[in-house]
Amino acid sequence: MPSAPVPRPFTSADFQLVLLRRMADHNPQLVDDARRALGASLSEMREANKRWQAMLRSPRARSAAARYRSVLGAPESVTPRRVGDLDCEARRWSLPLWPDLRFEVLVGADGAVWNEWLVRAPGAAPPVLRTLADLAPWSCTVDEAARAFAPARPLQGSAPTRWGLAFTAPDRDGTPREVTAEFTWGLLQRTAVSGSLH
């Protein structure tokens, strides 16, 4: 009786396709360009996402922290961090698609994953964010937008990997505008302007 085929390992490239799949609803052209840079077809991106979802739902699934280590290897850095009254570790991995960013996972003392998103790499120049014109897709992370346009109000995302911010930013003419920004995996995807504050 022939043995069952051995499943292909889930790789860092596959994981980047998963990130792209979640971003495709907002920026299909950027996603297509990034997917081609990985040498992957549209069907391969869909298959990677399907395999990732199966890993999440498997009754034999690893913990989230162990799953990232299995897929991405040892973190590039592990840094103790305090969030409120609780201690955790910030584990970061580099991803070829976004050399100026790192994929960061916050892991609590019990091994639970608190957060997972893209952040600016140490030493990488942050974007200059002054007006609406600077808020291009993929130009900044959640924390960068929140700092640049403080005070920013967090908004409920439409999925666990999505976040929103509401803030005020000037347009090209300096007119303050009410802005809603949407992020996937911590990276800006799109903004909506609701009107002038004048």
Protein backbone atom coordinates (compact mmCIF):
# COMPACT_ATOMS: atom_id res chain seq x y z
CA MET A 1 0.00 0.00 0.00
CA PRO A 2 1.57 3.36 -1.02
CA SER A 3 2.41 5.72 1.81
CA ALA A 4 0.65 9.06 2.09
CA PRO A 5 2.55 11.99 0.59
CA VAL A 6 4.52 14.06 3.06
CA PRO A 7 3.04 17.58 3.31
CA ARG A 8 5.28 20.35 2.01
CA PRO A 9 6.69 22.44 4.87
CA PHE A 10 5.05 25.83 5.39
CA THR A 11 7.77 28.40 4.70
CA SER A 12 8.45 32.07 5.31
CA ALA A 13 7.50 32.74 1.68
CA ASP A 14 4.16 31.00 2.28
CA PHE A 15 3.58 33.16 5.35
CA GLN A 16 4.23 36.33 3.37
CA LEU A 17 1.59 35.14 0.90
CA VAL A 18 -0.82 34.80 3.84
CA LEU A 19 -0.16 38.41 4.83
CA LEU A 20 -0.71 39.49 1.23
CA ARG A 21 -3.95 37.53 0.95
CA ARG A 22 -5.40 39.51 3.87
CA MET A 23 -4.36 42.77 2.18
CA ALA A 24 -5.72 41.90 -1.28
CA ASP A 25 -9.21 43.28 -0.62
CA HIS A 26 -7.82 46.79 -0.19
CA ASN A 27 -4.82 47.00 -2.55
CA PRO A 28 -4.95 44.29 -5.22
CA GLN A 29 -2.31 45.92 -7.45
CA LEU A 30 0.24 46.28 -4.64
CA VAL A 31 -0.48 42.71 -3.61
CA ASP A 32 -0.10 41.41 -7.17
CA ASP A 33 3.26 43.17 -7.53
CA ALA A 34 4.47 41.78 -4.20
CA ARG A 35 3.21 38.29 -5.03
CA ARG A 36 5.13 38.33 -8.32
CA ALA A 37 8.24 39.46 -6.43
CA LEU A 38 7.90 36.25 -4.41
CA GLY A 39 7.56 34.27 -7.64
CA ALA A 40 4.11 33.02 -6.64
CA SER A 41 0.92 32.68 -8.65
CA LEU A 42 -2.52 33.79 -7.52
CA SER A 43 -3.51 30.17 -6.92
CA GLU A 44 -0.37 29.62 -4.82
CA MET A 45 -1.30 32.62 -2.67
CA ARG A 46 -4.79 31.22 -2.16
CA GLU A 47 -3.39 27.78 -1.38
CA ALA A 48 -0.95 29.20 1.17
CA ASN A 49 -3.80 30.99 2.92
CA LYS A 50 -5.91 27.83 2.85
CA ARG A 51 -3.08 25.81 4.42
CA TRP A 52 -2.52 28.49 7.07
CA GLN A 53 -6.20 28.46 8.02
CA ALA A 54 -6.10 24.66 8.23
CA MET A 55 -3.09 24.91 10.56
CA LEU A 56 -4.99 27.33 12.80
CA ARG A 57 -8.03 25.06 13.01
CA SER A 58 -6.26 21.73 13.34
CA PRO A 59 -6.99 19.87 16.60
CA ARG A 60 -3.24 19.15 16.74
CA ALA A 61 -2.32 22.80 16.16
CA ARG A 62 0.75 24.19 17.86
CA SER A 63 0.42 27.24 20.06
CA ALA A 64 0.53 30.49 18.10
CA ALA A 65 4.01 31.30 19.44
CA ALA A 66 5.33 27.86 18.49
CA ARG A 67 3.68 28.08 15.07
CA TYR A 68 5.51 31.30 14.19
CA ARG A 69 8.84 29.83 15.27
CA SER A 70 8.15 26.72 13.20
CA VAL A 71 7.31 28.74 10.09
CA LEU A 72 9.69 31.70 10.40
CA GLY A 73 12.55 30.14 12.35
CA ALA A 74 14.27 31.69 15.34
CA PRO A 75 13.33 35.36 15.87
CA GLU A 76 15.79 38.00 14.73
CA SER A 77 15.37 39.61 18.15
CA VAL A 78 13.61 38.90 21.45
CA THR A 79 13.05 41.91 23.71
CA PRO A 80 11.40 42.03 27.14
CA ARG A 81 8.53 44.51 27.21
CA ARG A 82 6.01 45.74 29.75
CA VAL A 83 2.44 46.46 28.65
CA GLY A 84 0.51 48.08 31.45
CA ASP A 85 1.13 45.91 34.51
CA LEU A 86 2.07 42.81 32.51
CA ASP A 87 5.39 41.55 31.19
CA CYS A 88 5.80 40.02 27.75
CA GLU A 89 8.36 39.40 25.02
CA ALA A 90 8.45 41.16 21.66
CA ARG A 91 9.70 38.63 19.11
CA ARG A 92 10.59 39.99 15.68
CA TRP A 93 11.30 38.44 12.30
CA SER A 94 12.50 40.02 9.05
CA LEU A 95 10.48 39.41 5.89
CA PRO A 96 12.03 39.98 2.44
CA LEU A 97 8.93 41.73 1.08
CA TRP A 98 9.23 44.54 3.63
CA PRO A 99 12.94 45.00 4.44
CA ASP A 100 12.27 48.16 6.50
CA LEU A 101 9.67 46.40 8.65
CA ARG A 102 9.65 43.49 11.06
CA PHE A 103 6.87 41.05 11.89
CA GLU A 104 6.39 41.43 15.63
CA VAL A 105 4.61 39.00 17.95
CA LEU A 106 3.97 39.92 21.58
CA VAL A 107 4.08 36.78 23.74
CA GLY A 108 2.91 36.76 27.34
CA ALA A 109 4.57 34.93 30.22
CA ASP A 110 2.12 32.04 29.75
CA GLY A 111 3.09 31.69 26.07
CA ALA A 112 -0.12 33.30 24.77
CA VAL A 113 0.19 35.62 21.78
CA TRP A 114 -1.21 39.06 22.56
CA ASN A 115 -0.58 40.79 19.27
CA GLU A 116 0.92 40.14 15.83
CA TRP A 117 1.67 42.83 13.28
CA LEU A 118 4.26 44.65 11.19
CA VAL A 119 6.38 47.35 12.86
CA ARG A 120 9.27 49.54 11.70
CA ALA A 121 12.66 47.82 11.82
CA PRO A 122 15.23 49.15 14.30
CA GLY A 123 17.41 51.72 12.57
CA ALA A 124 15.07 52.10 9.57
CA ALA A 125 14.01 55.66 8.83
CA PRO A 126 10.36 56.21 9.75
CA PRO A 127 8.10 57.87 7.18
CA VAL A 128 7.47 61.61 7.30
CA LEU A 129 3.75 61.96 8.03
CA ARG A 130 2.44 65.51 7.99
CA THR A 131 -0.60 65.62 5.67
CA LEU A 132 -3.16 63.37 4.02
CA ALA A 133 -0.88 63.15 0.98
CA ASP A 134 1.68 61.26 3.07
CA LEU A 135 -0.80 58.49 3.95
CA ALA A 136 -0.26 56.25 0.93
CA PRO A 137 -1.04 52.53 1.16
CA TRP A 138 1.76 50.57 2.89
CA SER A 139 3.51 53.80 3.84
CA CYS A 140 3.26 53.50 7.62
CA THR A 141 2.33 51.32 10.56
CA VAL A 142 -0.43 51.77 13.13
CA ASP A 143 1.85 53.21 15.80
CA GLU A 144 3.53 55.60 13.34
CA ALA A 145 0.19 57.05 12.22
CA ALA A 146 -1.03 57.27 15.82
CA ARG A 147 2.07 59.22 16.86
CA ALA A 148 2.10 61.52 13.82
CA PHE A 149 -1.56 62.50 14.12
CA ALA A 150 -2.09 62.34 17.86
CA PRO A 151 -4.50 62.16 19.48
CA ALA A 152 -5.76 59.19 17.46
CA ARG A 153 -8.71 57.06 18.50
CA PRO A 154 -8.49 53.28 17.94
CA LEU A 155 -11.38 51.69 16.06
CA GLN A 156 -12.66 48.13 16.01
CA GLY A 157 -11.28 46.21 13.03
CA SER A 158 -13.40 43.98 10.80
CA ALA A 159 -11.16 40.96 11.52
CA PRO A 160 -8.52 39.96 14.11
CA THR A 161 -5.68 41.10 11.83
CA ARG A 162 -7.27 44.47 11.07
CA TRP A 163 -7.15 47.73 13.00
CA GLY A 164 -8.58 51.20 12.55
CA LEU A 165 -7.63 54.70 13.67
CA ALA A 166 -9.63 57.91 13.65
CA PHE A 167 -7.70 61.18 13.70
CA THR A 168 -7.40 64.65 12.23
CA ALA A 169 -4.91 65.40 9.43
CA PRO A 170 -4.47 68.45 7.20
CA ASP A 171 -5.00 68.21 3.45
CA ARG A 172 -2.65 69.81 0.89
CA ASP A 173 -4.17 73.22 1.61
CA GLY A 174 -3.75 72.85 5.36
CA THR A 175 -7.46 72.29 6.00
CA PRO A 176 -7.98 69.88 8.91
CA ARG A 177 -9.88 66.75 7.87
CA GLU A 178 -11.46 63.93 9.81
CA VAL A 179 -9.73 60.71 8.73
CA THR A 180 -10.43 57.04 9.22
CA ALA A 181 -7.43 54.83 8.46
CA GLU A 182 -7.57 51.06 8.01
CA PHE A 183 -4.65 48.74 8.70
CA THR A 184 -4.08 45.04 7.99
CA TRP A 185 -1.34 43.24 9.95
CA GLY A 186 -0.42 46.71 11.25
CA LEU A 187 0.29 48.20 7.80
CA LEU A 188 -1.78 51.09 6.37
CA GLN A 189 -4.15 49.94 3.63
CA ARG A 190 -6.46 52.88 2.95
CA THR A 191 -7.90 56.09 4.37
CA ALA A 192 -11.31 57.69 4.19
CA VAL A 193 -11.87 61.41 4.65
CA SER A 194 -15.23 62.37 6.11
CA GLY A 195 -15.02 66.15 5.83
CA SER A 196 -13.52 69.44 6.89
CA LEU A 197 -13.38 70.54 10.50
CA HIS A 198 -13.75 74.20 9.49
